Amino acid sequence: MPRPVAAWLWGSEAGMYSIGINFVQRRYPTSLFGLWLFAVGVVAAGVVAVDYFEARSELERVEMRLARLQRPVSAPRQREGTLAATQADEKAVGRVVAQLRTPWDAVLREIEKLGSPAVALLSVDGQGQSHTLRITGEAKAMADVVAYLRRLRQSSLIEAANLSHHEERQAGAVNVIRFSLDATWRAKP
């Protein structure tokens, strides 16, 4: 019979004995008393947590009430810079009101009414405070641009209209005149 490796290493079989190595401890069965004690602990922890959150919310309410009661009753002191800020705000509000009162509907209706199928308007940029417009458009011929400019000048709403820029462009297979007009409208339409 072949000798075991351990016997060959240690020299004899007589001195060998088994060593019981077991790192897992033996589990004892759970008792009914242990389960009952665990359940009582969980319920007690829940009651304490609920009580803690109620006390915390009550403390927050009392602190807020105390802060409201400690506020000064007298009117707040007005700072020196507040008057200047109020005047600046009034000026800004005045500018906004002036822009809102600008008769954009009437001006845009007049520009649309004076248009023709030979002139295509691309953009209308207006400045309400200075009563100026920049009209950009395209036409097939320079005569159409001049006729549109003449109609703008004859309008009762437009005070002045001038051709500020024009150039000939290729749009597909068609040559077009791109133009810009500067116009001023009357303050009271």
N, C-alpha and C. Protein backbone atom coordinates (compact mmCIF):
# COMPACT_ATOMS: atom_id res chain seq x y z
N MET A 1 0.83 -1.16 0.00
CA MET A 1 0.00 0.00 0.00
C MET A 1 0.89 1.24 0.00
N PRO A 2 0.52 2.23 -0.81
CA PRO A 2 1.37 3.41 -0.88
C PRO A 2 1.25 4.24 0.39
N ARG A 3 2.31 4.85 0.71
CA ARG A 3 2.32 5.68 1.91
C ARG A 3 1.68 7.04 1.61
N PRO A 4 0.89 7.59 2.56
CA PRO A 4 0.35 8.92 2.34
C PRO A 4 1.47 9.96 2.30
N VAL A 5 1.19 11.06 1.64
CA VAL A 5 2.20 12.11 1.48
C VAL A 5 2.58 12.68 2.83
N ALA A 6 1.60 12.83 3.70
CA ALA A 6 1.89 13.41 5.02
C ALA A 6 2.83 12.52 5.79
N ALA A 7 2.66 11.19 5.68
CA ALA A 7 3.52 10.27 6.40
C ALA A 7 4.92 10.34 5.83
N TRP A 8 5.04 10.47 4.55
CA TRP A 8 6.35 10.55 3.92
C TRP A 8 7.07 11.81 4.37
N LEU A 9 6.29 12.95 4.52
CA LEU A 9 6.91 14.20 4.94
C LEU A 9 7.31 14.16 6.41
N TRP A 10 6.47 13.62 7.25
CA TRP A 10 6.73 13.65 8.69
C TRP A 10 7.51 12.44 9.17
N GLY A 11 7.59 11.48 8.38
CA GLY A 11 8.43 10.35 8.75
C GLY A 11 7.70 9.17 9.31
N SER A 12 6.57 9.32 9.93
CA SER A 12 5.87 8.16 10.46
C SER A 12 4.40 8.43 10.51
N GLU A 13 3.64 7.36 10.45
CA GLU A 13 2.18 7.48 10.48
C GLU A 13 1.69 7.45 11.90
N ALA A 14 2.42 7.01 12.80
CA ALA A 14 1.95 6.82 14.16
C ALA A 14 1.70 8.15 14.86
N GLY A 15 2.43 9.19 14.52
CA GLY A 15 2.27 10.47 15.21
C GLY A 15 1.20 11.36 14.60
N MET A 16 0.43 10.88 13.65
CA MET A 16 -0.58 11.69 12.97
C MET A 16 -1.91 11.62 13.71
N TYR A 17 -2.53 12.76 13.86
CA TYR A 17 -3.88 12.79 14.41
C TYR A 17 -4.63 13.92 13.70
N SER A 18 -5.92 13.85 13.67
CA SER A 18 -6.73 14.85 12.94
C SER A 18 -6.98 16.08 13.81
N ILE A 19 -6.94 17.19 13.15
CA ILE A 19 -7.23 18.47 13.82
C ILE A 19 -8.59 18.93 13.31
N GLY A 20 -9.50 19.19 14.17
CA GLY A 20 -10.83 19.66 13.77
C GLY A 20 -10.85 21.19 13.71
N ILE A 21 -10.79 21.75 12.52
CA ILE A 21 -10.83 23.21 12.34
C ILE A 21 -12.20 23.56 11.78
N ASN A 22 -12.97 24.30 12.56
CA ASN A 22 -14.30 24.71 12.13
C ASN A 22 -14.52 26.13 12.65
N PHE A 23 -14.55 27.13 11.72
CA PHE A 23 -14.68 28.51 12.13
C PHE A 23 -16.13 28.96 12.28
N VAL A 24 -17.07 28.16 11.94
CA VAL A 24 -18.49 28.50 12.05
C VAL A 24 -18.98 28.03 13.40
N GLN A 25 -19.52 29.00 14.16
CA GLN A 25 -20.04 28.62 15.48
C GLN A 25 -21.39 27.96 15.32
N ARG A 26 -21.70 27.20 16.26
CA ARG A 26 -22.98 26.51 16.25
C ARG A 26 -24.09 27.49 16.59
N ARG A 27 -25.18 27.50 15.80
CA ARG A 27 -26.32 28.39 16.05
C ARG A 27 -27.29 27.70 16.97
N TYR A 28 -27.71 28.47 17.92
CA TYR A 28 -28.70 27.96 18.84
C TYR A 28 -30.08 28.30 18.30
N PRO A 29 -31.06 27.52 18.49
CA PRO A 29 -32.41 27.82 17.99
C PRO A 29 -32.96 29.08 18.66
N THR A 30 -33.72 29.88 17.86
CA THR A 30 -34.31 31.10 18.37
C THR A 30 -35.44 30.76 19.33
N SER A 31 -35.38 31.44 20.45
CA SER A 31 -36.42 31.16 21.45
C SER A 31 -37.58 32.11 21.26
N LEU A 32 -38.72 31.75 21.76
CA LEU A 32 -39.91 32.57 21.70
C LEU A 32 -39.73 33.84 22.51
N PHE A 33 -39.01 33.76 23.60
CA PHE A 33 -38.74 34.93 24.42
C PHE A 33 -37.86 35.94 23.66
N GLY A 34 -36.90 35.47 22.91
CA GLY A 34 -36.03 36.35 22.12
C GLY A 34 -36.81 37.09 21.04
N LEU A 35 -37.72 36.39 20.35
CA LEU A 35 -38.56 37.05 19.35
C LEU A 35 -39.47 38.10 19.99
N TRP A 36 -40.02 37.78 21.13
CA TRP A 36 -40.90 38.73 21.82
C TRP A 36 -40.10 39.96 22.25
N LEU A 37 -38.91 39.78 22.75
CA LEU A 37 -38.06 40.88 23.18
C LEU A 37 -37.68 41.77 21.98
N PHE A 38 -37.38 41.17 20.83
CA PHE A 38 -37.06 41.92 19.61
C PHE A 38 -38.24 42.78 19.16
N ALA A 39 -39.44 42.19 19.18
CA ALA A 39 -40.65 42.92 18.76
C ALA A 39 -40.91 44.09 19.70
N VAL A 40 -40.75 43.90 21.00
CA VAL A 40 -40.96 44.99 21.96
C VAL A 40 -39.94 46.10 21.69
N GLY A 41 -38.70 45.78 21.36
CA GLY A 41 -37.68 46.78 21.07
C GLY A 41 -38.00 47.59 19.82
N VAL A 42 -38.50 46.93 18.77
CA VAL A 42 -38.87 47.63 17.53
C VAL A 42 -40.03 48.58 17.78
N VAL A 43 -41.04 48.15 18.52
CA VAL A 43 -42.20 49.00 18.83
C VAL A 43 -41.74 50.20 19.66
N ALA A 44 -40.88 49.97 20.63
CA ALA A 44 -40.40 51.07 21.47
C ALA A 44 -39.61 52.08 20.64
N ALA A 45 -38.78 51.60 19.72
CA ALA A 45 -38.02 52.51 18.85
C ALA A 45 -38.96 53.32 17.96
N GLY A 46 -40.02 52.72 17.46
CA GLY A 46 -40.99 53.44 16.64
C GLY A 46 -41.70 54.53 17.43
N VAL A 47 -42.09 54.22 18.67
CA VAL A 47 -42.77 55.20 19.52
C VAL A 47 -41.83 56.37 19.81
N VAL A 48 -40.59 56.09 20.08
CA VAL A 48 -39.61 57.15 20.37
C VAL A 48 -39.39 58.02 19.13
N ALA A 49 -39.31 57.42 17.94
CA ALA A 49 -39.10 58.18 16.71
C ALA A 49 -40.29 59.10 16.44
N VAL A 50 -41.51 58.60 16.59
CA VAL A 50 -42.70 59.43 16.37
C VAL A 50 -42.72 60.58 17.36
N ASP A 51 -42.44 60.31 18.60
CA ASP A 51 -42.42 61.34 19.64
C ASP A 51 -41.35 62.39 19.33
N TYR A 52 -40.19 61.96 18.84
CA TYR A 52 -39.12 62.89 18.51
C TYR A 52 -39.55 63.84 17.38
N PHE A 53 -40.15 63.31 16.32
CA PHE A 53 -40.55 64.14 15.19
C PHE A 53 -41.66 65.11 15.58
N GLU A 54 -42.57 64.70 16.44
CA GLU A 54 -43.62 65.61 16.91
C GLU A 54 -43.00 66.73 17.74
N ALA A 55 -42.07 66.41 18.61
CA ALA A 55 -41.42 67.43 19.43
C ALA A 55 -40.63 68.40 18.57
N ARG A 56 -39.99 67.88 17.53
CA ARG A 56 -39.20 68.74 16.64
C ARG A 56 -40.10 69.71 15.88
N SER A 57 -41.22 69.25 15.36
CA SER A 57 -42.12 70.15 14.64
C SER A 57 -42.74 71.18 15.58
N GLU A 58 -43.04 70.79 16.80
CA GLU A 58 -43.57 71.75 17.78
C GLU A 58 -42.53 72.81 18.11
N LEU A 59 -41.27 72.42 18.22
CA LEU A 59 -40.19 73.38 18.49
C LEU A 59 -40.07 74.37 17.34
N GLU A 60 -40.16 73.91 16.09
CA GLU A 60 -40.09 74.80 14.94
C GLU A 60 -41.24 75.80 14.94
N ARG A 61 -42.45 75.33 15.27
CA ARG A 61 -43.61 76.25 15.33
C ARG A 61 -43.42 77.30 16.41
N VAL A 62 -42.92 76.90 17.56
CA VAL A 62 -42.72 77.86 18.66
C VAL A 62 -41.64 78.87 18.29
N GLU A 63 -40.56 78.42 17.64
CA GLU A 63 -39.50 79.34 17.23
C GLU A 63 -40.00 80.33 16.20
N MET A 64 -40.84 79.91 15.27
CA MET A 64 -41.39 80.82 14.27
C MET A 64 -42.31 81.84 14.94
N ARG A 65 -43.13 81.41 15.86
CA ARG A 65 -44.02 82.32 16.58
C ARG A 65 -43.20 83.33 17.38
N LEU A 66 -42.14 82.89 18.02
CA LEU A 66 -41.28 83.78 18.79
C LEU A 66 -40.60 84.79 17.87
N ALA A 67 -40.16 84.37 16.71
CA ALA A 67 -39.52 85.29 15.76
C ALA A 67 -40.52 86.34 15.28
N ARG A 68 -41.77 85.95 15.03
CA ARG A 68 -42.80 86.91 14.62
C ARG A 68 -43.08 87.91 15.71
N LEU A 69 -43.10 87.46 16.96
CA LEU A 69 -43.40 88.36 18.08
C LEU A 69 -42.24 89.30 18.38
N GLN A 70 -41.03 88.93 18.05
CA GLN A 70 -39.88 89.77 18.34
C GLN A 70 -39.61 90.80 17.26
N ARG A 71 -40.30 90.76 16.13
CA ARG A 71 -40.12 91.76 15.09
C ARG A 71 -40.56 93.12 15.61
N PRO A 72 -39.85 94.18 15.17
CA PRO A 72 -40.26 95.52 15.62
C PRO A 72 -41.60 95.90 14.99
N VAL A 73 -42.42 96.53 15.79
CA VAL A 73 -43.75 96.93 15.34
C VAL A 73 -43.71 98.25 14.59
N SER A 74 -42.72 99.09 14.89
CA SER A 74 -42.65 100.39 14.24
C SER A 74 -42.34 100.23 12.76
N ALA A 75 -42.62 101.28 12.00
CA ALA A 75 -42.38 101.25 10.56
C ALA A 75 -40.88 101.19 10.31
N PRO A 76 -40.48 100.48 9.30
CA PRO A 76 -39.04 100.36 9.03
C PRO A 76 -38.47 101.71 8.60
N ARG A 77 -37.23 101.95 9.00
CA ARG A 77 -36.59 103.21 8.63
C ARG A 77 -36.27 103.20 7.15
N GLN A 78 -36.50 104.34 6.52
CA GLN A 78 -36.23 104.45 5.10
C GLN A 78 -34.78 104.87 4.91
N ARG A 79 -34.09 104.17 4.10
CA ARG A 79 -32.68 104.48 3.85
C ARG A 79 -32.58 105.63 2.86
N GLU A 80 -31.44 106.28 2.86
CA GLU A 80 -31.23 107.42 1.96
C GLU A 80 -31.21 106.98 0.50
N GLY A 81 -30.63 105.84 0.23
CA GLY A 81 -30.53 105.35 -1.14
C GLY A 81 -31.86 104.88 -1.70
N THR A 82 -32.82 104.64 -0.83
CA THR A 82 -34.11 104.13 -1.27
C THR A 82 -34.85 105.16 -2.13
N LEU A 83 -34.73 106.43 -1.77
CA LEU A 83 -35.40 107.49 -2.52
C LEU A 83 -34.84 107.57 -3.94
N ALA A 84 -33.53 107.48 -4.07
CA ALA A 84 -32.92 107.52 -5.40
C ALA A 84 -33.32 106.30 -6.22
N ALA A 85 -33.37 105.14 -5.56
CA ALA A 85 -33.78 103.92 -6.26
C ALA A 85 -35.23 104.02 -6.71
N THR A 86 -36.07 104.62 -5.88
CA THR A 86 -37.48 104.78 -6.24
C THR A 86 -37.62 105.70 -7.45
N GLN A 87 -36.85 106.78 -7.48
CA GLN A 87 -36.91 107.69 -8.62
C GLN A 87 -36.42 107.00 -9.89
N ALA A 88 -35.38 106.19 -9.78
CA ALA A 88 -34.88 105.46 -10.95
C ALA A 88 -35.93 104.46 -11.43
N ASP A 89 -36.61 103.81 -10.48
CA ASP A 89 -37.67 102.87 -10.86
C ASP A 89 -38.81 103.60 -11.56
N GLU A 90 -39.15 104.78 -11.08
CA GLU A 90 -40.23 105.56 -11.71
C GLU A 90 -39.86 105.93 -13.14
N LYS A 91 -38.59 106.29 -13.37
CA LYS A 91 -38.16 106.63 -14.72
C LYS A 91 -38.24 105.40 -15.64
N ALA A 92 -37.83 104.25 -15.11
CA ALA A 92 -37.88 103.02 -15.91
C ALA A 92 -39.33 102.67 -16.23
N VAL A 93 -40.21 102.81 -15.26
CA VAL A 93 -41.63 102.54 -15.50
C VAL A 93 -42.19 103.50 -16.54
N GLY A 94 -41.76 104.76 -16.48
CA GLY A 94 -42.21 105.75 -17.47
C GLY A 94 -41.77 105.37 -18.88
N ARG A 95 -40.53 104.86 -19.01
CA ARG A 95 -40.06 104.43 -20.33
C ARG A 95 -40.86 103.23 -20.84
N VAL A 96 -41.15 102.31 -19.96
CA VAL A 96 -41.92 101.13 -20.37
C VAL A 96 -43.33 101.54 -20.80
N VAL A 97 -43.94 102.43 -20.03
CA VAL A 97 -45.29 102.89 -20.38
C VAL A 97 -45.28 103.61 -21.72
N ALA A 98 -44.24 104.42 -21.97
CA ALA A 98 -44.15 105.11 -23.26
C ALA A 98 -44.01 104.11 -24.40
N GLN A 99 -43.24 103.05 -24.19
CA GLN A 99 -43.10 102.05 -25.24
C GLN A 99 -44.40 101.28 -25.45
N LEU A 100 -45.14 101.04 -24.37
CA LEU A 100 -46.41 100.34 -24.52
C LEU A 100 -47.45 101.20 -25.22
N ARG A 101 -47.33 102.50 -25.09
CA ARG A 101 -48.28 103.41 -25.75
C ARG A 101 -47.92 103.68 -27.20
N THR A 102 -46.82 103.13 -27.67
CA THR A 102 -46.42 103.31 -29.07
C THR A 102 -47.49 102.66 -29.95
N PRO A 103 -47.95 103.36 -30.97
CA PRO A 103 -49.04 102.84 -31.81
C PRO A 103 -48.54 101.83 -32.85
N TRP A 104 -48.00 100.71 -32.40
CA TRP A 104 -47.45 99.73 -33.32
C TRP A 104 -48.50 99.16 -34.26
N ASP A 105 -49.70 98.94 -33.77
CA ASP A 105 -50.75 98.39 -34.65
C ASP A 105 -51.00 99.31 -35.83
N ALA A 106 -51.14 100.59 -35.56
CA ALA A 106 -51.44 101.53 -36.64
C ALA A 106 -50.27 101.64 -37.62
N VAL A 107 -49.06 101.69 -37.10
CA VAL A 107 -47.88 101.81 -37.96
C VAL A 107 -47.73 100.57 -38.84
N LEU A 108 -47.83 99.39 -38.24
CA LEU A 108 -47.67 98.16 -39.03
C LEU A 108 -48.81 97.98 -40.04
N ARG A 109 -50.03 98.37 -39.66
CA ARG A 109 -51.14 98.30 -40.62
C ARG A 109 -50.90 99.22 -41.81
N GLU A 110 -50.36 100.40 -41.53
CA GLU A 110 -50.10 101.36 -42.61
C GLU A 110 -49.02 100.82 -43.56
N ILE A 111 -47.97 100.24 -43.02
CA ILE A 111 -46.90 99.68 -43.85
C ILE A 111 -47.43 98.52 -44.69
N GLU A 112 -48.28 97.71 -44.09
CA GLU A 112 -48.86 96.58 -44.82
C GLU A 112 -49.82 97.07 -45.91
N LYS A 113 -50.58 98.10 -45.60
CA LYS A 113 -51.54 98.64 -46.57
C LYS A 113 -50.83 99.23 -47.79
N LEU A 114 -49.66 99.82 -47.56
CA LEU A 114 -48.93 100.48 -48.66
C LEU A 114 -48.13 99.49 -49.52
N GLY A 115 -48.04 98.26 -49.09
CA GLY A 115 -47.29 97.26 -49.84
C GLY A 115 -47.95 96.90 -51.15
N SER A 116 -47.20 96.18 -51.98
CA SER A 116 -47.74 95.74 -53.27
C SER A 116 -47.18 94.35 -53.56
N PRO A 117 -47.79 93.63 -54.51
CA PRO A 117 -47.28 92.29 -54.83
C PRO A 117 -45.87 92.31 -55.41
N ALA A 118 -45.42 93.45 -55.93
CA ALA A 118 -44.09 93.54 -56.52
C ALA A 118 -43.00 93.73 -55.47
N VAL A 119 -43.39 94.06 -54.23
CA VAL A 119 -42.43 94.31 -53.15
C VAL A 119 -42.69 93.29 -52.04
N ALA A 120 -41.63 92.60 -51.62
CA ALA A 120 -41.73 91.65 -50.51
C ALA A 120 -40.96 92.22 -49.32
N LEU A 121 -41.67 92.45 -48.23
CA LEU A 121 -41.01 92.96 -47.03
C LEU A 121 -40.41 91.79 -46.25
N LEU A 122 -39.14 91.91 -45.88
CA LEU A 122 -38.44 90.86 -45.15
C LEU A 122 -38.42 91.13 -43.65
N SER A 123 -38.25 92.40 -43.26
CA SER A 123 -38.25 92.72 -41.83
C SER A 123 -38.62 94.17 -41.63
N VAL A 124 -39.19 94.43 -40.45
CA VAL A 124 -39.51 95.77 -40.01
C VAL A 124 -38.98 95.89 -38.60
N ASP A 125 -37.96 96.74 -38.42
CA ASP A 125 -37.38 96.97 -37.10
C ASP A 125 -37.76 98.37 -36.67
N GLY A 126 -38.36 98.48 -35.49
CA GLY A 126 -38.81 99.79 -35.01
C GLY A 126 -38.19 100.18 -33.69
N GLN A 127 -38.00 101.48 -33.53
CA GLN A 127 -37.56 102.07 -32.27
C GLN A 127 -38.68 102.99 -31.79
N GLY A 128 -39.34 102.59 -30.72
CA GLY A 128 -40.49 103.34 -30.24
C GLY A 128 -40.15 104.72 -29.72
N GLN A 129 -39.02 104.90 -29.06
CA GLN A 129 -38.69 106.20 -28.47
C GLN A 129 -38.35 107.23 -29.53
N SER A 130 -37.67 106.80 -30.59
CA SER A 130 -37.27 107.76 -31.62
C SER A 130 -38.24 107.78 -32.80
N HIS A 131 -39.26 106.95 -32.78
CA HIS A 131 -40.28 106.89 -33.85
C HIS A 131 -39.66 106.58 -35.20
N THR A 132 -38.67 105.69 -35.22
CA THR A 132 -38.02 105.34 -36.48
C THR A 132 -38.25 103.88 -36.81
N LEU A 133 -38.20 103.60 -38.11
CA LEU A 133 -38.37 102.25 -38.62
C LEU A 133 -37.25 101.96 -39.60
N ARG A 134 -36.81 100.72 -39.66
CA ARG A 134 -35.93 100.25 -40.73
C ARG A 134 -36.68 99.11 -41.40
N ILE A 135 -37.00 99.31 -42.66
CA ILE A 135 -37.76 98.34 -43.44
C ILE A 135 -36.81 97.71 -44.44
N THR A 136 -36.74 96.39 -44.44
CA THR A 136 -35.89 95.65 -45.37
C THR A 136 -36.81 94.82 -46.26
N GLY A 137 -36.53 94.84 -47.56
CA GLY A 137 -37.38 94.10 -48.49
C GLY A 137 -36.66 93.76 -49.77
N GLU A 138 -37.41 93.11 -50.66
CA GLU A 138 -36.90 92.75 -51.98
C GLU A 138 -37.95 93.10 -53.03
N ALA A 139 -37.47 93.47 -54.19
CA ALA A 139 -38.36 93.75 -55.33
C ALA A 139 -37.67 93.28 -56.60
N LYS A 140 -38.46 93.05 -57.65
CA LYS A 140 -37.89 92.57 -58.92
C LYS A 140 -37.20 93.70 -59.67
N ALA A 141 -37.69 94.92 -59.51
CA ALA A 141 -37.13 96.05 -60.26
C ALA A 141 -36.98 97.25 -59.34
N MET A 142 -36.05 98.13 -59.69
CA MET A 142 -35.83 99.34 -58.90
C MET A 142 -37.05 100.25 -58.96
N ALA A 143 -37.80 100.21 -60.04
CA ALA A 143 -39.00 101.03 -60.16
C ALA A 143 -40.02 100.64 -59.09
N ASP A 144 -40.10 99.37 -58.75
CA ASP A 144 -41.02 98.94 -57.70
C ASP A 144 -40.59 99.48 -56.33
N VAL A 145 -39.28 99.53 -56.07
CA VAL A 145 -38.77 100.08 -54.81
C VAL A 145 -39.11 101.56 -54.72
N VAL A 146 -38.89 102.30 -55.81
CA VAL A 146 -39.16 103.74 -55.83
C VAL A 146 -40.66 104.00 -55.66
N ALA A 147 -41.52 103.18 -56.27
CA ALA A 147 -42.97 103.36 -56.13
C ALA A 147 -43.39 103.10 -54.67
N TYR A 148 -42.81 102.09 -54.02
CA TYR A 148 -43.13 101.82 -52.61
C TYR A 148 -42.66 102.97 -51.73
N LEU A 149 -41.48 103.50 -52.00
CA LEU A 149 -40.96 104.64 -51.24
C LEU A 149 -41.87 105.86 -51.42
N ARG A 150 -42.35 106.09 -52.62
CA ARG A 150 -43.25 107.22 -52.88
C ARG A 150 -44.56 107.06 -52.09
N ARG A 151 -45.11 105.85 -52.06
CA ARG A 151 -46.35 105.61 -51.29
C ARG A 151 -46.13 105.84 -49.81
N LEU A 152 -44.96 105.42 -49.29
CA LEU A 152 -44.66 105.67 -47.87
C LEU A 152 -44.61 107.17 -47.58
N ARG A 153 -43.97 107.93 -48.46
CA ARG A 153 -43.85 109.39 -48.24
C ARG A 153 -45.20 110.09 -48.32
N GLN A 154 -46.14 109.55 -49.09
CA GLN A 154 -47.46 110.17 -49.23
C GLN A 154 -48.41 109.78 -48.09
N SER A 155 -48.03 108.85 -47.28
CA SER A 155 -48.88 108.39 -46.19
C SER A 155 -49.05 109.47 -45.14
N SER A 156 -50.23 109.52 -44.54
CA SER A 156 -50.48 110.52 -43.49
C SER A 156 -49.79 110.14 -42.17
N LEU A 157 -49.44 108.87 -41.99
CA LEU A 157 -48.82 108.41 -40.75
C LEU A 157 -47.30 108.51 -40.80
N ILE A 158 -46.71 108.36 -42.00
CA ILE A 158 -45.26 108.39 -42.15
C ILE A 158 -44.82 109.83 -42.40
N GLU A 159 -43.92 110.30 -41.55
CA GLU A 159 -43.43 111.68 -41.67
C GLU A 159 -42.33 111.79 -42.72
N ALA A 160 -41.40 110.83 -42.74
CA ALA A 160 -40.30 110.87 -43.70
C ALA A 160 -39.89 109.43 -44.01
N ALA A 161 -39.44 109.21 -45.25
CA ALA A 161 -38.96 107.89 -45.66
C ALA A 161 -37.83 108.08 -46.65
N ASN A 162 -36.71 107.37 -46.44
CA ASN A 162 -35.54 107.50 -47.29
C ASN A 162 -34.98 106.12 -47.59
N LEU A 163 -34.45 105.97 -48.81
CA LEU A 163 -33.78 104.73 -49.21
C LEU A 163 -32.36 104.79 -48.65
N SER A 164 -32.01 103.87 -47.77
CA SER A 164 -30.68 103.91 -47.15
C SER A 164 -29.69 102.95 -47.82
N HIS A 165 -30.20 101.87 -48.43
CA HIS A 165 -29.28 100.89 -49.04
C HIS A 165 -30.05 100.07 -50.06
N HIS A 166 -29.37 99.73 -51.16
CA HIS A 166 -29.95 98.78 -52.11
C HIS A 166 -28.81 98.05 -52.82
N GLU A 167 -29.10 96.81 -53.24
CA GLU A 167 -28.13 96.02 -53.97
C GLU A 167 -28.87 94.99 -54.81
N GLU A 168 -28.26 94.62 -55.91
CA GLU A 168 -28.85 93.61 -56.78
C GLU A 168 -28.28 92.25 -56.38
N ARG A 169 -29.18 91.29 -56.24
CA ARG A 169 -28.78 89.93 -55.82
C ARG A 169 -29.39 88.91 -56.75
N GLN A 170 -28.76 87.75 -56.76
CA GLN A 170 -29.26 86.63 -57.52
C GLN A 170 -30.01 85.72 -56.54
N ALA A 171 -31.30 85.53 -56.73
CA ALA A 171 -32.12 84.63 -55.92
C ALA A 171 -32.60 83.51 -56.82
N GLY A 172 -31.84 82.43 -56.85
CA GLY A 172 -32.17 81.35 -57.78
C GLY A 172 -31.80 81.78 -59.19
N ALA A 173 -32.75 81.74 -60.08
CA ALA A 173 -32.52 82.16 -61.47
C ALA A 173 -32.98 83.60 -61.70
N VAL A 174 -33.46 84.27 -60.64
CA VAL A 174 -34.04 85.60 -60.79
C VAL A 174 -33.15 86.62 -60.09
N ASN A 175 -32.96 87.78 -60.74
CA ASN A 175 -32.27 88.90 -60.11
C ASN A 175 -33.29 89.72 -59.33
N VAL A 176 -32.94 90.05 -58.08
CA VAL A 176 -33.83 90.87 -57.25
C VAL A 176 -33.04 92.03 -56.67
N ILE A 177 -33.77 93.06 -56.30
CA ILE A 177 -33.17 94.23 -55.64
C ILE A 177 -33.50 94.11 -54.16
N ARG A 178 -32.48 93.98 -53.31
CA ARG A 178 -32.68 93.99 -51.86
C ARG A 178 -32.46 95.43 -51.41
N PHE A 179 -33.37 95.95 -50.60
CA PHE A 179 -33.29 97.36 -50.19
C PHE A 179 -33.58 97.52 -48.71
N SER A 180 -33.12 98.67 -48.19
CA SER A 180 -33.42 99.07 -46.81
C SER A 180 -33.92 100.49 -46.85
N LEU A 181 -35.02 100.71 -46.12
CA LEU A 181 -35.60 102.05 -46.02
C LEU A 181 -35.58 102.49 -44.56
N ASP A 182 -35.31 103.75 -44.34
CA ASP A 182 -35.43 104.34 -43.01
C ASP A 182 -36.63 105.27 -43.04
N ALA A 183 -37.52 105.08 -42.08
CA ALA A 183 -38.74 105.90 -42.06
C ALA A 183 -38.97 106.41 -40.65
N THR A 184 -39.64 107.54 -40.56
CA THR A 184 -40.03 108.14 -39.27
C THR A 184 -41.54 108.33 -39.31
N TRP A 185 -42.22 107.92 -38.26
CA TRP A 185 -43.67 108.11 -38.23
C TRP A 185 -44.03 109.26 -37.30
N ARG A 186 -45.21 109.78 -37.49
CA ARG A 186 -45.68 110.90 -36.67
C ARG A 186 -46.04 110.39 -35.28
N ALA A 187 -45.83 111.24 -34.28
CA ALA A 187 -46.07 110.84 -32.89
C ALA A 187 -47.53 110.53 -32.64
N LYS A 188 -48.43 111.33 -33.20
CA LYS A 188 -49.88 111.11 -33.02
C LYS A 188 -50.45 110.61 -34.33
N PRO A 189 -50.77 109.34 -34.44
CA PRO A 189 -51.32 108.81 -35.71
C PRO A 189 -52.72 109.32 -35.95
